[in-house]
């Protein structure tokens, strides 16, 4: 896995995500359901393999780029757009296969019409979801494995023992996502002023800066 990354001169940074926020329940009151690009699958008719999408950007209608607006028109208006009308605060999702891709995998998708935004009362998901509840038998197996790891490495120094691994196994057996993750910016956000996003020349995300800072130089007197 590391070889192709190192060949491109890139670095790999891994972050362990222990909680999955329950976005589905959060947006359910607005009557919106999202489906389709979240898992990889094979087309049974053509045999073609489609990878799950890995990049999701959410924008207000007024922040869609010219190219995204062209795609929106080319894709044809979804059958449910007419009943909501158009508003500059309608929320769209722009989906790509990978973050490094320069083009989306289809037209922007309406995910929250402004006319329904009042139904979403919380600033963000209040809880977490655990997609695959652990059966009691599996919980017992994980607990047993944790006991075995602790017993087998009890005499080792703390740096080399599997105490940490055993603790994580017990956390997994107990249902990791039953514990709410720390409050983040999404839950803490208030009624921020809405201003149009200034588009840039960034080839991957046109709403992000093209560059952080321009290089400058200065010389002290000699």
Protein backbone atom coordinates (compact mmCIF):
# COMPACT_ATOMS: atom_id res chain seq x y z
CA UNK A 1 0.00 0.00 0.00
CA UNK A 2 2.83 2.39 0.83
CA UNK A 3 4.86 1.70 -2.32
CA UNK A 4 2.66 3.58 -4.85
CA UNK A 5 2.27 6.48 -2.42
CA UNK A 6 6.02 6.80 -1.88
CA UNK A 7 6.62 6.52 -5.64
CA UNK A 8 4.50 9.64 -6.15
CA UNK A 9 6.46 11.46 -3.46
CA UNK A 10 3.40 11.65 -1.21
CA UNK A 11 2.99 11.05 2.51
CA UNK A 12 0.30 8.87 4.07
CA UNK A 13 -1.42 10.15 7.21
CA UNK A 14 -3.87 7.79 8.91
CA UNK A 15 -6.51 8.89 11.40
CA UNK A 16 -8.55 6.32 13.31
CA UNK A 17 -12.20 7.35 13.21
CA UNK A 18 -13.93 5.68 16.14
CA UNK A 19 -17.36 7.29 15.77
CA UNK A 20 -19.81 7.67 12.90
CA UNK A 21 -22.16 10.61 13.25
CA UNK A 22 -25.80 9.78 12.60
CA UNK A 23 -26.45 12.10 9.67
CA UNK A 24 -29.33 9.94 8.42
CA UNK A 25 -31.44 10.52 11.53
CA UNK A 26 -30.41 14.19 11.68
CA UNK A 27 -31.81 14.97 8.23
CA UNK A 28 -34.74 12.56 8.38
CA UNK A 29 -37.14 15.22 9.70
CA UNK A 30 -36.69 17.07 6.42
CA UNK A 31 -37.86 13.99 4.53
CA UNK A 32 -34.56 13.65 2.67
CA UNK A 33 -32.89 10.33 1.97
CA UNK A 34 -29.54 9.92 0.24
CA UNK A 35 -28.50 6.69 -1.46
CA UNK A 36 -26.39 5.01 -4.12
CA UNK A 37 -22.70 6.14 -4.11
CA UNK A 38 -21.70 5.04 -0.63
CA UNK A 39 -20.60 1.44 -1.36
CA UNK A 40 -18.64 -0.22 -4.15
CA UNK A 41 -20.66 -2.53 -6.36
CA UNK A 42 -20.68 -4.55 -9.57
CA UNK A 43 -23.24 -3.98 -12.31
CA UNK A 44 -24.78 -7.42 -12.77
CA UNK A 45 -25.67 -6.66 -16.40
CA UNK A 46 -22.39 -5.18 -17.64
CA UNK A 47 -20.00 -6.68 -15.09
CA UNK A 48 -18.42 -3.25 -14.58
CA UNK A 49 -17.06 -2.48 -11.11
CA UNK A 50 -17.90 0.88 -9.59
CA UNK A 51 -15.92 2.14 -6.61
CA UNK A 52 -17.66 3.98 -3.78
CA UNK A 53 -17.28 7.76 -3.90
CA UNK A 54 -14.82 9.28 -1.44
CA UNK A 55 -15.38 13.03 -1.83
CA UNK A 56 -18.57 14.85 -0.84
CA UNK A 57 -18.81 18.65 -0.93
CA UNK A 58 -22.00 20.45 0.09
CA UNK A 59 -22.72 23.88 -1.40
CA UNK A 60 -25.50 26.41 -1.52
CA UNK A 61 -26.99 26.99 -4.95
CA UNK A 62 -25.44 30.46 -5.06
CA UNK A 63 -21.98 28.92 -4.54
CA UNK A 64 -22.08 26.44 -7.45
CA UNK A 65 -19.36 27.13 -9.99
CA UNK A 66 -20.10 27.83 -13.64
CA UNK A 67 -19.03 24.29 -14.57
CA UNK A 68 -21.28 22.81 -11.87
CA UNK A 69 -24.24 24.86 -13.08
CA UNK A 70 -23.63 23.60 -16.62
CA UNK A 71 -23.61 20.01 -15.32
CA UNK A 72 -26.81 20.72 -13.40
CA UNK A 73 -28.58 21.81 -16.58
CA UNK A 74 -27.08 19.03 -18.71
CA UNK A 75 -28.16 16.41 -16.20
CA UNK A 76 -31.75 17.57 -16.38
CA UNK A 77 -33.62 18.78 -13.33
CA UNK A 78 -34.48 15.97 -10.89
CA UNK A 79 -38.14 15.09 -10.84
CA UNK A 80 -38.60 16.54 -7.36
CA UNK A 81 -37.04 19.98 -7.98
CA UNK A 82 -40.16 21.50 -9.47
CA UNK A 83 -42.18 21.19 -6.28
CA UNK A 84 -39.60 23.19 -4.32
CA UNK A 85 -38.78 25.93 -6.82
CA UNK A 86 -35.30 27.44 -6.80
CA UNK A 87 -33.65 29.38 -4.00
CA UNK A 88 -30.09 30.61 -3.55
CA UNK A 89 -29.92 28.77 -0.20
CA UNK A 90 -30.85 25.34 -1.61
CA UNK A 91 -28.16 22.85 -0.56
CA UNK A 92 -26.50 20.66 -3.21
CA UNK A 93 -23.99 17.83 -2.92
CA UNK A 94 -21.10 17.61 -5.37
CA UNK A 95 -19.67 14.08 -5.41
CA UNK A 96 -16.33 12.86 -6.79
CA UNK A 97 -14.66 9.48 -6.86
CA UNK A 98 -11.51 10.77 -5.15
CA UNK A 99 -10.51 14.11 -3.66
CA UNK A 100 -7.75 14.43 -6.26
CA UNK A 101 -10.22 14.11 -9.15
CA UNK A 102 -10.87 17.38 -10.98
CA UNK A 103 -14.41 16.56 -12.14
CA UNK A 104 -17.48 15.28 -10.28
CA UNK A 105 -19.10 11.94 -11.09
CA UNK A 106 -22.35 13.65 -12.12
CA UNK A 107 -24.37 16.86 -11.76
CA UNK A 108 -24.84 18.48 -8.34
CA UNK A 109 -27.65 16.78 -6.39
CA UNK A 110 -30.28 18.71 -4.44
CA UNK A 111 -30.15 17.37 -0.87
CA UNK A 112 -31.96 20.05 1.15
CA UNK A 113 -34.32 22.59 -0.45
CA UNK A 114 -34.42 25.91 1.36
CA UNK A 115 -38.17 25.48 1.79
CA UNK A 116 -37.46 22.50 4.08
CA UNK A 117 -34.42 23.82 5.90
CA UNK A 118 -36.54 24.94 8.87
CA UNK A 119 -37.29 21.27 9.58
CA UNK A 120 -33.63 20.62 10.44
CA UNK A 121 -33.60 22.14 13.91
CA UNK A 122 -30.24 20.91 15.25
CA UNK A 123 -26.92 22.37 14.12
CA UNK A 124 -25.59 18.86 13.51
CA UNK A 125 -26.09 15.18 14.37
CA UNK A 126 -26.65 14.72 18.09
CA UNK A 127 -25.73 11.06 18.23
CA UNK A 128 -23.71 8.35 16.54
CA UNK A 129 -24.68 5.22 14.68
CA UNK A 130 -23.23 1.75 14.72
CA UNK A 131 -23.93 0.21 11.34
CA UNK A 132 -23.41 -3.41 12.37
CA UNK A 133 -24.52 -4.15 15.96
CA UNK A 134 -22.25 -6.76 17.55
CA UNK A 135 -23.94 -10.04 18.48
CA UNK A 136 -23.52 -11.36 22.02
CA UNK A 137 -21.47 -14.30 20.75
CA UNK A 138 -19.06 -11.93 19.00
CA UNK A 139 -18.85 -9.75 22.08
CA UNK A 140 -17.82 -12.78 24.11
CA UNK A 141 -15.17 -13.68 21.53
CA UNK A 142 -13.70 -10.17 21.63
CA UNK A 143 -13.67 -10.16 25.42
CA UNK A 144 -11.97 -13.58 25.40
CA UNK A 145 -9.33 -12.35 22.95
CA UNK A 146 -8.69 -9.33 25.16
CA UNK A 147 -8.20 -11.62 28.18
CA UNK A 148 -5.80 -13.82 26.21
CA UNK A 149 -3.72 -10.86 25.02
CA UNK A 150 -3.37 -9.50 28.53
CA UNK A 151 -2.45 -12.88 29.98
CA UNK A 152 0.06 -13.72 27.24
CA UNK A 153 1.92 -10.41 27.53
CA UNK A 154 1.53 -9.67 31.24
CA UNK A 155 5.24 -10.19 31.88
CA UNK A 156 6.31 -7.91 29.06
CA UNK A 157 7.24 -4.30 29.54
CA UNK A 158 4.42 -1.83 29.15
CA UNK A 159 5.78 -0.59 25.84
CA UNK A 160 5.50 -4.04 24.28
CA UNK A 161 2.48 -5.54 26.02
CA UNK A 162 -0.92 -5.76 24.35
CA UNK A 163 -2.75 -3.94 27.13
CA UNK A 164 -3.78 -1.12 24.79
CA UNK A 165 -5.03 -3.58 22.17
CA UNK A 166 -7.04 -5.43 24.82
CA UNK A 167 -8.62 -2.17 25.98
CA UNK A 168 -9.66 -1.30 22.42
CA UNK A 169 -11.13 -4.78 21.91
CA UNK A 170 -13.28 -4.35 25.01
CA UNK A 171 -14.34 -0.91 23.80
CA UNK A 172 -15.35 -2.45 20.47
CA UNK A 173 -17.25 -5.26 22.18
CA UNK A 174 -19.19 -2.74 24.26
CA UNK A 175 -20.31 -0.88 21.12
CA UNK A 176 -17.81 1.82 20.32
CA UNK A 177 -20.36 4.26 18.90
CA UNK A 178 -22.60 4.08 21.94
CA UNK A 179 -20.39 6.84 23.34
CA UNK A 180 -21.02 10.24 21.83
CA UNK A 181 -17.92 11.78 20.20
CA UNK A 182 -16.61 15.12 21.45
CA UNK A 183 -18.50 18.22 20.32
CA UNK A 184 -17.06 19.46 17.06
CA UNK A 185 -17.54 22.57 14.94
CA UNK A 186 -20.65 21.07 13.33
CA UNK A 187 -22.59 20.83 16.59
CA UNK A 188 -21.19 24.07 17.95
CA UNK A 189 -21.97 26.19 14.89
CA UNK A 190 -24.46 29.01 15.29
CA UNK A 191 -26.33 31.22 12.87
CA UNK A 192 -23.30 32.28 10.85
CA UNK A 193 -23.83 34.98 8.21
CA UNK A 194 -24.26 33.52 4.73
CA UNK A 195 -22.07 35.17 2.13
CA UNK A 196 -21.27 33.91 -1.38
CA UNK A 197 -18.13 31.83 -1.69
CA UNK A 198 -15.38 33.39 -3.78
CA UNK A 199 -14.36 30.86 -6.44
CA UNK A 200 -10.67 30.29 -7.09
CA UNK A 201 -8.49 28.49 -9.60
CA UNK A 202 -8.03 25.47 -7.32
CA UNK A 203 -8.39 22.53 -9.77
CA UNK A 204 -9.75 20.13 -7.16
CA UNK A 205 -12.10 22.29 -5.06
CA UNK A 206 -12.99 25.65 -6.61
CA UNK A 207 -14.28 26.99 -3.28
CA UNK A 208 -10.91 26.51 -1.56
CA UNK A 209 -7.87 28.78 -1.97
CA UNK A 210 -5.70 28.15 -4.99
CA UNK A 211 -2.67 28.64 -2.74
CA UNK A 212 -2.27 29.34 0.94
CA UNK A 213 0.24 32.18 0.75
CA UNK A 214 2.33 33.59 -2.05
CA UNK A 215 6.07 33.34 -1.57
CA UNK A 216 7.71 36.63 -0.62
CA UNK A 217 11.29 37.51 0.13
CA UNK A 218 13.00 40.28 2.04
CA UNK A 219 16.63 41.19 2.56
CA UNK A 220 18.22 42.79 5.58
CA UNK A 221 20.83 45.46 5.12
CA UNK A 222 24.40 44.18 4.84
